[in-house]
Amino acid sequence: MTLTGNARHRHRRAQTADGAAGNERLTAMTGAVLLVLFAAEGVTILRLHALLTVHFFLGMLLLGPVALKIASTGYRFVRYYTGSAPYVRRGPPAWPMRLLGPLVMATSVGVLGTGVMLAVVGRGNGQWLFLHKATFVLWFGVMTIHVLMYAPRLPRLLAGGPAAGRLAATLAGRGTRWLLLAVALAGGLVIAVATLHLAAPWRAA
C-alpha cells in the first residue's frame, strides 16, 4: 500500500516523536540498570578487602552502561538545543535536574576513571587513590540527590508514560533499546573480564 505525501509526512513525524519518547525510555532503562549495579558496588565497599575482586569487576562492568547513559542524555541535550521539534515539545528537564545532570556525569566519570587508573598503575600511587576516594564522596552526594529526584518517576518512564497509549508508540524502537543496553552491558563485561587480573596486586596487600 502506497502512502500519500501527507501520510508519509505524518508517519515521519510520528516516528520522530516516538524517537524522543524512546530516548527517554532508554535513559530510564539504563538508569535502572545502573542503580542496581552501583548498589551492588556499594555493598562491596562494606567489606572491601574480602570483596576486592568483585569491586574491580563491577567497576569495569559499569563502564559500558555509564557510557550509554551519557550518550542517551547527551543526544537529548543536542536534539533539544538544535531545535528538534519533538524534543522541544517534550521540554527540558526541570532546572534542578539540568544543574545536577552535568555533575552526575562528571563525578561518575571521575570515580570510574580514577578506578581504572588505580587498576592500571597498581599499588603505590597515593595520588590516584586519594582522587578515587575524593570523587567517590562527591559522586555519592550528587547521586543521592539524583536518585531521590528521579526514583519516583522511574516506573512511569520505564512504562513509557501517558503518551504511550497507542500500542505502536509503546513498541516502537523497543528492540533497538534492548539491543543498545545489551551491547553496553556486553562491552562492560568484556572489559571486566579482560582486566580482572589487575586486581591481583591489590588482593596481595
N, C-alpha and C. Protein backbone atom coordinates (compact mmCIF):
# COMPACT_ATOMS: atom_id res chain seq x y z
N MET A 1 0.84 -1.18 0.00
CA MET A 1 0.00 0.00 0.00
C MET A 1 0.88 1.24 0.00
N THR A 2 0.62 2.19 -0.92
CA THR A 2 1.46 3.38 -1.06
C THR A 2 0.89 4.51 -0.20
N LEU A 3 1.77 5.14 0.55
CA LEU A 3 1.35 6.27 1.36
C LEU A 3 1.35 7.53 0.53
N THR A 4 0.36 8.40 0.74
CA THR A 4 0.36 9.70 0.09
C THR A 4 1.43 10.57 0.72
N GLY A 5 1.68 11.74 0.07
CA GLY A 5 2.69 12.65 0.60
C GLY A 5 2.38 13.08 2.02
N ASN A 6 1.11 13.45 2.29
CA ASN A 6 0.72 13.87 3.64
C ASN A 6 0.84 12.72 4.63
N ALA A 7 0.44 11.52 4.20
CA ALA A 7 0.52 10.37 5.09
C ALA A 7 1.97 10.05 5.44
N ARG A 8 2.85 10.14 4.42
CA ARG A 8 4.26 9.88 4.69
C ARG A 8 4.82 10.90 5.67
N HIS A 9 4.39 12.17 5.51
CA HIS A 9 4.86 13.22 6.40
C HIS A 9 4.41 12.95 7.83
N ARG A 10 3.12 12.56 7.98
CA ARG A 10 2.61 12.26 9.32
C ARG A 10 3.32 11.06 9.91
N HIS A 11 3.63 10.06 9.05
CA HIS A 11 4.33 8.87 9.52
C HIS A 11 5.73 9.23 10.02
N ARG A 12 6.44 10.09 9.27
CA ARG A 12 7.77 10.50 9.69
C ARG A 12 7.71 11.27 11.00
N ARG A 13 6.70 12.15 11.14
CA ARG A 13 6.56 12.91 12.39
C ARG A 13 6.29 12.00 13.56
N ALA A 14 5.45 10.97 13.35
CA ALA A 14 5.15 10.02 14.43
C ALA A 14 6.40 9.25 14.84
N GLN A 15 7.20 8.85 13.82
CA GLN A 15 8.42 8.12 14.14
C GLN A 15 9.39 8.98 14.93
N THR A 16 9.48 10.27 14.55
CA THR A 16 10.38 11.17 15.26
C THR A 16 9.92 11.40 16.68
N ALA A 17 8.60 11.57 16.86
CA ALA A 17 8.06 11.75 18.21
C ALA A 17 8.32 10.51 19.06
N ASP A 18 8.12 9.33 18.45
CA ASP A 18 8.41 8.09 19.17
C ASP A 18 9.89 8.03 19.52
N GLY A 19 10.75 8.60 18.67
CA GLY A 19 12.18 8.62 18.97
C GLY A 19 12.49 9.42 20.21
N ALA A 20 11.82 10.54 20.40
CA ALA A 20 12.02 11.35 21.60
C ALA A 20 11.57 10.60 22.84
N ALA A 21 10.41 9.95 22.75
CA ALA A 21 9.91 9.15 23.88
C ALA A 21 10.81 7.95 24.11
N GLY A 22 11.28 7.34 23.01
CA GLY A 22 12.16 6.18 23.13
C GLY A 22 13.48 6.53 23.77
N ASN A 23 14.02 7.71 23.45
CA ASN A 23 15.25 8.16 24.09
C ASN A 23 15.06 8.29 25.60
N GLU A 24 13.91 8.82 25.99
CA GLU A 24 13.62 8.96 27.42
C GLU A 24 13.54 7.60 28.10
N ARG A 25 12.91 6.63 27.41
CA ARG A 25 12.80 5.29 27.99
C ARG A 25 14.15 4.59 28.03
N LEU A 26 14.97 4.79 27.00
CA LEU A 26 16.31 4.20 27.01
C LEU A 26 17.12 4.74 28.19
N THR A 27 17.04 6.05 28.41
CA THR A 27 17.74 6.66 29.54
C THR A 27 17.25 6.08 30.86
N ALA A 28 15.93 5.88 30.97
CA ALA A 28 15.36 5.32 32.20
C ALA A 28 15.79 3.87 32.39
N MET A 29 15.77 3.09 31.31
CA MET A 29 16.19 1.69 31.39
C MET A 29 17.64 1.58 31.84
N THR A 30 18.48 2.40 31.23
CA THR A 30 19.90 2.38 31.59
C THR A 30 20.10 2.84 33.02
N GLY A 31 19.34 3.85 33.42
CA GLY A 31 19.43 4.33 34.80
C GLY A 31 19.04 3.26 35.80
N ALA A 32 18.02 2.47 35.47
CA ALA A 32 17.59 1.39 36.38
C ALA A 32 18.69 0.34 36.53
N VAL A 33 19.33 -0.02 35.40
CA VAL A 33 20.43 -0.98 35.45
C VAL A 33 21.59 -0.42 36.28
N LEU A 34 21.91 0.84 36.06
CA LEU A 34 23.00 1.47 36.81
C LEU A 34 22.69 1.52 38.30
N LEU A 35 21.44 1.76 38.64
CA LEU A 35 21.05 1.81 40.05
C LEU A 35 21.36 0.48 40.73
N VAL A 36 21.04 -0.62 40.05
CA VAL A 36 21.31 -1.95 40.62
C VAL A 36 22.80 -2.21 40.71
N LEU A 37 23.54 -1.89 39.64
CA LEU A 37 24.98 -2.16 39.63
C LEU A 37 25.73 -1.30 40.63
N PHE A 38 25.37 -0.03 40.73
CA PHE A 38 26.03 0.85 41.70
C PHE A 38 25.70 0.42 43.13
N ALA A 39 24.48 -0.06 43.36
CA ALA A 39 24.11 -0.55 44.69
C ALA A 39 24.97 -1.77 45.04
N ALA A 40 25.15 -2.67 44.07
CA ALA A 40 26.00 -3.85 44.30
C ALA A 40 27.44 -3.43 44.56
N GLU A 41 27.91 -2.44 43.81
CA GLU A 41 29.27 -1.92 44.03
C GLU A 41 29.41 -1.32 45.42
N GLY A 42 28.35 -0.64 45.86
CA GLY A 42 28.38 -0.06 47.20
C GLY A 42 28.47 -1.12 48.29
N VAL A 43 27.81 -2.25 48.08
CA VAL A 43 27.87 -3.35 49.06
C VAL A 43 29.30 -3.86 49.21
N THR A 44 30.05 -3.91 48.11
CA THR A 44 31.43 -4.41 48.19
C THR A 44 32.31 -3.50 49.04
N ILE A 45 31.96 -2.22 49.12
CA ILE A 45 32.77 -1.29 49.91
C ILE A 45 32.69 -1.63 51.39
N LEU A 46 31.58 -2.21 51.82
CA LEU A 46 31.41 -2.56 53.23
C LEU A 46 32.42 -3.61 53.68
N ARG A 47 32.85 -4.47 52.76
CA ARG A 47 33.87 -5.49 53.05
C ARG A 47 34.87 -5.50 51.89
N LEU A 48 35.54 -4.37 51.74
CA LEU A 48 36.33 -4.16 50.53
C LEU A 48 37.46 -5.17 50.39
N HIS A 49 38.14 -5.49 51.47
CA HIS A 49 39.27 -6.42 51.35
C HIS A 49 38.80 -7.80 50.88
N ALA A 50 37.71 -8.27 51.46
CA ALA A 50 37.21 -9.60 51.09
C ALA A 50 36.56 -9.61 49.71
N LEU A 51 35.99 -8.48 49.31
CA LEU A 51 35.25 -8.42 48.05
C LEU A 51 35.96 -7.55 47.01
N LEU A 52 37.27 -7.44 47.14
CA LEU A 52 38.01 -6.54 46.25
C LEU A 52 37.91 -6.95 44.79
N THR A 53 37.96 -8.26 44.52
CA THR A 53 37.86 -8.73 43.13
C THR A 53 36.49 -8.39 42.55
N VAL A 54 35.45 -8.58 43.34
CA VAL A 54 34.09 -8.22 42.88
C VAL A 54 34.00 -6.72 42.66
N HIS A 55 34.63 -5.94 43.54
CA HIS A 55 34.64 -4.48 43.40
C HIS A 55 35.28 -4.07 42.08
N PHE A 56 36.42 -4.66 41.77
CA PHE A 56 37.10 -4.40 40.49
C PHE A 56 36.19 -4.78 39.32
N PHE A 57 35.64 -5.98 39.40
CA PHE A 57 34.82 -6.49 38.30
C PHE A 57 33.62 -5.59 38.03
N LEU A 58 32.89 -5.22 39.08
CA LEU A 58 31.71 -4.38 38.90
C LEU A 58 32.09 -2.98 38.41
N GLY A 59 33.21 -2.47 38.90
CA GLY A 59 33.65 -1.14 38.46
C GLY A 59 33.91 -1.11 36.96
N MET A 60 34.55 -2.15 36.44
CA MET A 60 34.80 -2.21 35.00
C MET A 60 33.51 -2.48 34.22
N LEU A 61 32.65 -3.34 34.77
CA LEU A 61 31.37 -3.64 34.12
C LEU A 61 30.52 -2.37 33.95
N LEU A 62 30.62 -1.48 34.91
CA LEU A 62 29.83 -0.24 34.88
C LEU A 62 30.21 0.69 33.73
N LEU A 63 31.40 0.52 33.18
CA LEU A 63 31.85 1.43 32.12
C LEU A 63 30.91 1.44 30.92
N GLY A 64 30.40 0.27 30.55
CA GLY A 64 29.51 0.18 29.39
C GLY A 64 28.19 0.91 29.60
N PRO A 65 27.42 0.58 30.65
CA PRO A 65 26.15 1.27 30.89
C PRO A 65 26.31 2.77 31.16
N VAL A 66 27.38 3.15 31.85
CA VAL A 66 27.61 4.59 32.10
C VAL A 66 27.82 5.32 30.77
N ALA A 67 28.59 4.71 29.88
CA ALA A 67 28.80 5.32 28.56
C ALA A 67 27.48 5.47 27.80
N LEU A 68 26.62 4.45 27.90
CA LEU A 68 25.32 4.53 27.22
C LEU A 68 24.44 5.61 27.84
N LYS A 69 24.46 5.73 29.15
CA LYS A 69 23.64 6.77 29.81
C LYS A 69 24.11 8.16 29.40
N ILE A 70 25.41 8.37 29.36
CA ILE A 70 25.94 9.66 28.93
C ILE A 70 25.56 9.93 27.47
N ALA A 71 25.63 8.90 26.62
CA ALA A 71 25.29 9.06 25.21
C ALA A 71 23.81 9.41 25.04
N SER A 72 22.93 8.74 25.77
CA SER A 72 21.49 8.98 25.60
C SER A 72 21.10 10.36 26.11
N THR A 73 21.63 10.76 27.26
CA THR A 73 21.31 12.09 27.78
C THR A 73 21.96 13.18 26.93
N GLY A 74 23.18 12.91 26.45
CA GLY A 74 23.83 13.88 25.57
C GLY A 74 23.09 14.05 24.26
N TYR A 75 22.54 12.95 23.74
CA TYR A 75 21.77 13.01 22.50
C TYR A 75 20.53 13.87 22.68
N ARG A 76 19.84 13.68 23.80
CA ARG A 76 18.65 14.50 24.06
C ARG A 76 19.04 15.98 24.18
N PHE A 77 20.16 16.25 24.85
CA PHE A 77 20.64 17.63 25.00
C PHE A 77 20.87 18.27 23.64
N VAL A 78 21.58 17.55 22.76
CA VAL A 78 21.89 18.09 21.44
C VAL A 78 20.63 18.31 20.62
N ARG A 79 19.71 17.32 20.62
CA ARG A 79 18.50 17.45 19.83
C ARG A 79 17.61 18.60 20.33
N TYR A 80 17.57 18.78 21.64
CA TYR A 80 16.76 19.87 22.20
C TYR A 80 17.33 21.23 21.80
N TYR A 81 18.63 21.41 21.98
CA TYR A 81 19.23 22.72 21.74
C TYR A 81 19.50 22.99 20.26
N THR A 82 19.33 21.97 19.40
CA THR A 82 19.39 22.23 17.96
C THR A 82 17.98 22.40 17.38
N GLY A 83 16.97 22.40 18.25
CA GLY A 83 15.62 22.75 17.84
C GLY A 83 14.79 21.64 17.25
N SER A 84 15.13 20.37 17.53
CA SER A 84 14.30 19.26 17.05
C SER A 84 12.92 19.34 17.70
N ALA A 85 11.88 19.43 16.87
CA ALA A 85 10.54 19.73 17.37
C ALA A 85 10.05 18.77 18.45
N PRO A 86 10.14 17.44 18.26
CA PRO A 86 9.64 16.53 19.32
C PRO A 86 10.36 16.72 20.65
N TYR A 87 11.67 16.98 20.59
CA TYR A 87 12.42 17.18 21.83
C TYR A 87 12.08 18.52 22.46
N VAL A 88 11.85 19.52 21.63
CA VAL A 88 11.45 20.83 22.16
C VAL A 88 10.07 20.75 22.79
N ARG A 89 9.15 20.00 22.15
CA ARG A 89 7.80 19.85 22.70
C ARG A 89 7.83 19.13 24.05
N ARG A 90 8.71 18.17 24.20
CA ARG A 90 8.81 17.48 25.49
C ARG A 90 9.42 18.38 26.55
N GLY A 91 10.16 19.37 26.10
CA GLY A 91 10.73 20.34 27.02
C GLY A 91 11.98 19.83 27.71
N PRO A 92 12.73 20.74 28.33
CA PRO A 92 13.93 20.34 29.06
C PRO A 92 13.57 19.78 30.42
N PRO A 93 14.48 19.09 31.07
CA PRO A 93 14.24 18.68 32.46
C PRO A 93 14.07 19.92 33.35
N ALA A 94 13.49 19.73 34.50
CA ALA A 94 13.36 20.83 35.46
C ALA A 94 14.76 21.37 35.78
N TRP A 95 14.82 22.67 36.13
CA TRP A 95 16.14 23.31 36.27
C TRP A 95 17.03 22.65 37.32
N PRO A 96 16.50 22.12 38.45
CA PRO A 96 17.43 21.42 39.36
C PRO A 96 18.09 20.22 38.71
N MET A 97 17.33 19.50 37.87
CA MET A 97 17.88 18.33 37.19
C MET A 97 18.90 18.75 36.12
N ARG A 98 18.64 19.90 35.48
CA ARG A 98 19.59 20.39 34.48
C ARG A 98 20.91 20.77 35.14
N LEU A 99 20.84 21.33 36.35
CA LEU A 99 22.06 21.68 37.07
C LEU A 99 22.77 20.44 37.59
N LEU A 100 21.98 19.45 38.00
CA LEU A 100 22.56 18.25 38.60
C LEU A 100 23.13 17.30 37.56
N GLY A 101 22.52 17.27 36.36
CA GLY A 101 22.93 16.31 35.34
C GLY A 101 24.42 16.33 35.02
N PRO A 102 25.00 17.50 34.70
CA PRO A 102 26.44 17.53 34.42
C PRO A 102 27.29 17.07 35.59
N LEU A 103 26.84 17.34 36.82
CA LEU A 103 27.59 16.90 38.00
C LEU A 103 27.54 15.39 38.14
N VAL A 104 26.38 14.81 37.84
CA VAL A 104 26.26 13.35 37.88
C VAL A 104 27.22 12.72 36.88
N MET A 105 27.24 13.24 35.66
CA MET A 105 28.12 12.68 34.63
C MET A 105 29.59 12.88 34.99
N ALA A 106 29.94 14.09 35.46
CA ALA A 106 31.34 14.39 35.77
C ALA A 106 31.86 13.53 36.91
N THR A 107 31.06 13.39 37.98
CA THR A 107 31.51 12.60 39.12
C THR A 107 31.52 11.10 38.79
N SER A 108 30.57 10.65 37.97
CA SER A 108 30.57 9.24 37.57
C SER A 108 31.82 8.92 36.75
N VAL A 109 32.14 9.79 35.79
CA VAL A 109 33.36 9.61 35.00
C VAL A 109 34.58 9.69 35.91
N GLY A 110 34.53 10.62 36.87
CA GLY A 110 35.67 10.79 37.79
C GLY A 110 35.93 9.56 38.64
N VAL A 111 34.88 9.02 39.26
CA VAL A 111 35.09 7.88 40.16
C VAL A 111 35.46 6.63 39.38
N LEU A 112 34.85 6.42 38.20
CA LEU A 112 35.21 5.26 37.39
C LEU A 112 36.58 5.43 36.74
N GLY A 113 36.86 6.64 36.27
CA GLY A 113 38.15 6.89 35.63
C GLY A 113 39.32 6.73 36.58
N THR A 114 39.18 7.24 37.80
CA THR A 114 40.26 7.07 38.77
C THR A 114 40.39 5.61 39.19
N GLY A 115 39.25 4.89 39.21
CA GLY A 115 39.31 3.46 39.50
C GLY A 115 40.08 2.70 38.44
N VAL A 116 39.84 3.06 37.17
CA VAL A 116 40.58 2.43 36.07
C VAL A 116 42.08 2.73 36.19
N MET A 117 42.40 3.98 36.52
CA MET A 117 43.81 4.34 36.67
C MET A 117 44.47 3.57 37.80
N LEU A 118 43.74 3.36 38.91
CA LEU A 118 44.29 2.57 40.01
C LEU A 118 44.56 1.14 39.56
N ALA A 119 43.65 0.60 38.75
CA ALA A 119 43.86 -0.76 38.24
C ALA A 119 45.09 -0.82 37.33
N VAL A 120 45.28 0.22 36.53
CA VAL A 120 46.39 0.23 35.55
C VAL A 120 47.74 0.46 36.24
N VAL A 121 47.80 1.48 37.12
CA VAL A 121 49.09 1.83 37.72
C VAL A 121 49.45 0.93 38.89
N GLY A 122 48.46 0.25 39.48
CA GLY A 122 48.74 -0.66 40.58
C GLY A 122 48.92 0.06 41.90
N ARG A 123 49.39 -0.69 42.88
CA ARG A 123 49.58 -0.13 44.22
C ARG A 123 50.74 0.85 44.26
N GLY A 124 50.76 1.65 45.29
CA GLY A 124 51.89 2.56 45.49
C GLY A 124 51.68 3.95 44.92
N ASN A 125 50.52 4.21 44.31
CA ASN A 125 50.26 5.55 43.76
C ASN A 125 49.18 6.21 44.61
N GLY A 126 49.62 6.95 45.63
CA GLY A 126 48.69 7.56 46.57
C GLY A 126 47.82 8.64 45.94
N GLN A 127 48.32 9.29 44.88
CA GLN A 127 47.56 10.38 44.25
C GLN A 127 46.26 9.85 43.65
N TRP A 128 46.34 8.75 42.91
CA TRP A 128 45.13 8.21 42.28
C TRP A 128 44.17 7.64 43.32
N LEU A 129 44.72 7.07 44.39
CA LEU A 129 43.86 6.54 45.45
C LEU A 129 43.11 7.67 46.14
N PHE A 130 43.81 8.78 46.40
CA PHE A 130 43.15 9.94 47.00
C PHE A 130 42.07 10.50 46.09
N LEU A 131 42.38 10.61 44.80
CA LEU A 131 41.39 11.13 43.85
C LEU A 131 40.19 10.21 43.74
N HIS A 132 40.44 8.90 43.79
CA HIS A 132 39.34 7.94 43.73
C HIS A 132 38.40 8.10 44.92
N LYS A 133 38.98 8.23 46.10
CA LYS A 133 38.17 8.39 47.31
C LYS A 133 37.43 9.74 47.30
N ALA A 134 38.12 10.79 46.85
CA ALA A 134 37.51 12.13 46.83
C ALA A 134 36.36 12.19 45.84
N THR A 135 36.57 11.64 44.65
CA THR A 135 35.48 11.68 43.66
C THR A 135 34.32 10.78 44.07
N PHE A 136 34.63 9.71 44.81
CA PHE A 136 33.54 8.86 45.31
C PHE A 136 32.67 9.62 46.29
N VAL A 137 33.28 10.40 47.18
CA VAL A 137 32.50 11.18 48.15
C VAL A 137 31.61 12.18 47.41
N LEU A 138 32.19 12.88 46.42
CA LEU A 138 31.40 13.83 45.63
C LEU A 138 30.29 13.11 44.87
N TRP A 139 30.64 11.99 44.24
CA TRP A 139 29.65 11.22 43.47
C TRP A 139 28.52 10.75 44.35
N PHE A 140 28.83 10.25 45.54
CA PHE A 140 27.80 9.73 46.43
C PHE A 140 26.80 10.81 46.81
N GLY A 141 27.30 12.01 47.11
CA GLY A 141 26.40 13.11 47.45
C GLY A 141 25.51 13.51 46.29
N VAL A 142 26.11 13.67 45.12
CA VAL A 142 25.35 14.07 43.93
C VAL A 142 24.36 12.98 43.53
N MET A 143 24.80 11.72 43.56
CA MET A 143 23.95 10.63 43.13
C MET A 143 22.77 10.41 44.09
N THR A 144 22.99 10.64 45.37
CA THR A 144 21.90 10.51 46.33
C THR A 144 20.76 11.47 45.98
N ILE A 145 21.11 12.71 45.68
CA ILE A 145 20.10 13.71 45.29
C ILE A 145 19.45 13.30 43.98
N HIS A 146 20.24 12.84 43.03
CA HIS A 146 19.74 12.43 41.71
C HIS A 146 18.73 11.29 41.84
N VAL A 147 19.06 10.29 42.64
CA VAL A 147 18.17 9.14 42.80
C VAL A 147 16.87 9.56 43.49
N LEU A 148 16.97 10.39 44.52
CA LEU A 148 15.77 10.85 45.23
C LEU A 148 14.84 11.64 44.32
N MET A 149 15.43 12.35 43.34
CA MET A 149 14.62 13.16 42.43
C MET A 149 13.98 12.30 41.33
N TYR A 150 14.72 11.28 40.87
CA TYR A 150 14.25 10.50 39.71
C TYR A 150 13.53 9.21 40.07
N ALA A 151 13.84 8.63 41.23
CA ALA A 151 13.27 7.32 41.58
C ALA A 151 11.74 7.29 41.52
N PRO A 152 11.03 8.32 42.01
CA PRO A 152 9.56 8.27 41.93
C PRO A 152 9.03 8.26 40.49
N ARG A 153 9.81 8.81 39.54
CA ARG A 153 9.37 8.88 38.15
C ARG A 153 9.77 7.66 37.35
N LEU A 154 10.67 6.82 37.91
CA LEU A 154 11.24 5.74 37.14
C LEU A 154 10.21 4.73 36.63
N PRO A 155 9.25 4.27 37.46
CA PRO A 155 8.26 3.31 36.92
C PRO A 155 7.48 3.86 35.73
N ARG A 156 7.09 5.14 35.79
CA ARG A 156 6.34 5.73 34.67
C ARG A 156 7.21 5.83 33.42
N LEU A 157 8.48 6.22 33.61
CA LEU A 157 9.38 6.35 32.46
C LEU A 157 9.65 4.99 31.83
N LEU A 158 9.82 3.97 32.65
CA LEU A 158 10.07 2.63 32.11
C LEU A 158 8.86 2.10 31.37
N ALA A 159 7.65 2.48 31.84
CA ALA A 159 6.42 2.02 31.19
C ALA A 159 6.12 2.81 29.93
N GLY A 160 6.77 3.96 29.76
CA GLY A 160 6.55 4.77 28.57
C GLY A 160 5.71 5.99 28.80
N GLY A 161 5.12 6.14 30.00
CA GLY A 161 4.38 7.35 30.30
C GLY A 161 3.03 7.39 29.63
N PRO A 162 2.23 8.41 29.94
CA PRO A 162 0.88 8.50 29.39
C PRO A 162 0.84 8.69 27.89
N ALA A 163 1.92 9.17 27.31
CA ALA A 163 1.95 9.39 25.86
C ALA A 163 2.03 8.09 25.08
N ALA A 164 2.26 6.98 25.80
CA ALA A 164 2.45 5.70 25.11
C ALA A 164 1.18 4.88 25.10
N GLY A 165 0.05 5.51 24.99
CA GLY A 165 -1.22 4.79 25.00
C GLY A 165 -1.40 3.92 23.79
N ARG A 166 -0.91 4.35 22.65
CA ARG A 166 -1.03 3.51 21.45
C ARG A 166 0.00 2.39 21.49
N LEU A 167 -0.42 1.21 21.02
CA LEU A 167 0.49 0.07 21.03
C LEU A 167 1.73 0.35 20.20
N ALA A 168 1.55 0.99 19.06
CA ALA A 168 2.70 1.26 18.19
C ALA A 168 3.71 2.15 18.88
N ALA A 169 3.22 3.16 19.63
CA ALA A 169 4.13 4.06 20.32
C ALA A 169 4.87 3.34 21.44
N THR A 170 4.18 2.41 22.07
CA THR A 170 4.80 1.67 23.16
C THR A 170 5.90 0.75 22.65
N LEU A 171 5.61 0.08 21.51
CA LEU A 171 6.55 -0.91 21.00
C LEU A 171 7.63 -0.32 20.12
N ALA A 172 7.42 0.91 19.61
CA ALA A 172 8.37 1.49 18.65
C ALA A 172 9.77 1.57 19.24
N GLY A 173 10.71 0.96 18.56
CA GLY A 173 12.12 1.05 18.96
C GLY A 173 12.48 0.20 20.15
N ARG A 174 11.54 -0.62 20.67
CA ARG A 174 11.84 -1.39 21.88
C ARG A 174 13.02 -2.33 21.63
N GLY A 175 13.02 -3.01 20.48
CA GLY A 175 14.12 -3.93 20.18
C GLY A 175 15.45 -3.21 20.13
N THR A 176 15.46 -2.02 19.53
CA THR A 176 16.71 -1.26 19.45
C THR A 176 17.19 -0.85 20.82
N ARG A 177 16.26 -0.43 21.69
CA ARG A 177 16.65 -0.02 23.04
C ARG A 177 17.26 -1.19 23.81
N TRP A 178 16.62 -2.36 23.74
CA TRP A 178 17.17 -3.52 24.44
C TRP A 178 18.51 -3.93 23.84
N LEU A 179 18.65 -3.79 22.53
CA LEU A 179 19.91 -4.14 21.88
C LEU A 179 21.03 -3.21 22.37
N LEU A 180 20.75 -1.91 22.41
CA LEU A 180 21.76 -0.96 22.88
C LEU A 180 22.17 -1.26 24.31
N LEU A 181 21.19 -1.55 25.15
CA LEU A 181 21.50 -1.86 26.55
C LEU A 181 22.31 -3.15 26.66
N ALA A 182 21.94 -4.16 25.85
CA ALA A 182 22.68 -5.42 25.86
C ALA A 182 24.12 -5.22 25.38
N VAL A 183 24.30 -4.41 24.34
CA VAL A 183 25.65 -4.14 23.83
C VAL A 183 26.48 -3.42 24.88
N ALA A 184 25.87 -2.45 25.58
CA ALA A 184 26.59 -1.71 26.62
C ALA A 184 27.03 -2.64 27.74
N LEU A 185 26.12 -3.53 28.16
CA LEU A 185 26.47 -4.49 29.22
C LEU A 185 27.53 -5.48 28.74
N ALA A 186 27.39 -5.92 27.50
CA ALA A 186 28.37 -6.87 26.95
C ALA A 186 29.74 -6.21 26.85
N GLY A 187 29.78 -4.95 26.42
CA GLY A 187 31.05 -4.24 26.35
C GLY A 187 31.69 -4.10 27.72
N GLY A 188 30.87 -3.74 28.72
CA GLY A 188 31.39 -3.65 30.08
C GLY A 188 31.88 -4.99 30.59
N LEU A 189 31.15 -6.06 30.24
CA LEU A 189 31.54 -7.40 30.68
C LEU A 189 32.88 -7.81 30.07
N VAL A 190 33.07 -7.51 28.79
CA VAL A 190 34.35 -7.84 28.14
C VAL A 190 35.50 -7.12 28.83
N ILE A 191 35.30 -5.83 29.11
CA ILE A 191 36.35 -5.05 29.80
C ILE A 191 36.62 -5.63 31.18
N ALA A 192 35.53 -5.99 31.91
CA ALA A 192 35.68 -6.51 33.26
C ALA A 192 36.46 -7.82 33.28
N VAL A 193 36.13 -8.71 32.34
CA VAL A 193 36.82 -10.00 32.29
C VAL A 193 38.28 -9.81 31.87
N ALA A 194 38.50 -8.93 30.90
CA ALA A 194 39.86 -8.72 30.37
C ALA A 194 40.79 -8.07 31.39
N THR A 195 40.23 -7.32 32.33
CA THR A 195 41.07 -6.58 33.29
C THR A 195 41.03 -7.17 34.70
N LEU A 196 40.34 -8.29 34.87
CA LEU A 196 40.18 -8.85 36.21
C LEU A 196 41.51 -9.19 36.87
N HIS A 197 42.48 -9.56 36.05
CA HIS A 197 43.80 -9.91 36.62
C HIS A 197 44.48 -8.73 37.28
N LEU A 198 44.06 -7.51 36.96
CA LEU A 198 44.69 -6.32 37.55
C LEU A 198 44.36 -6.17 39.03
N ALA A 199 43.37 -6.93 39.50
CA ALA A 199 43.03 -6.87 40.92
C ALA A 199 44.03 -7.64 41.79
N ALA A 200 44.81 -8.53 41.18
CA ALA A 200 45.70 -9.40 41.94
C ALA A 200 46.68 -8.64 42.85
N PRO A 201 47.39 -7.60 42.36
CA PRO A 201 48.31 -6.90 43.25
C PRO A 201 47.63 -6.25 44.46
N TRP A 202 46.37 -5.85 44.28
CA TRP A 202 45.65 -5.23 45.40
C TRP A 202 45.21 -6.29 46.40
N ARG A 203 44.87 -7.48 45.95
CA ARG A 203 44.49 -8.55 46.87
C ARG A 203 45.65 -9.00 47.73
N ALA A 204 46.87 -8.86 47.18
CA ALA A 204 48.06 -9.33 47.90
C ALA A 204 48.44 -8.41 49.06
N ALA A 205 47.81 -7.23 49.13
CA ALA A 205 48.19 -6.27 50.17
C ALA A 205 47.76 -6.75 51.54
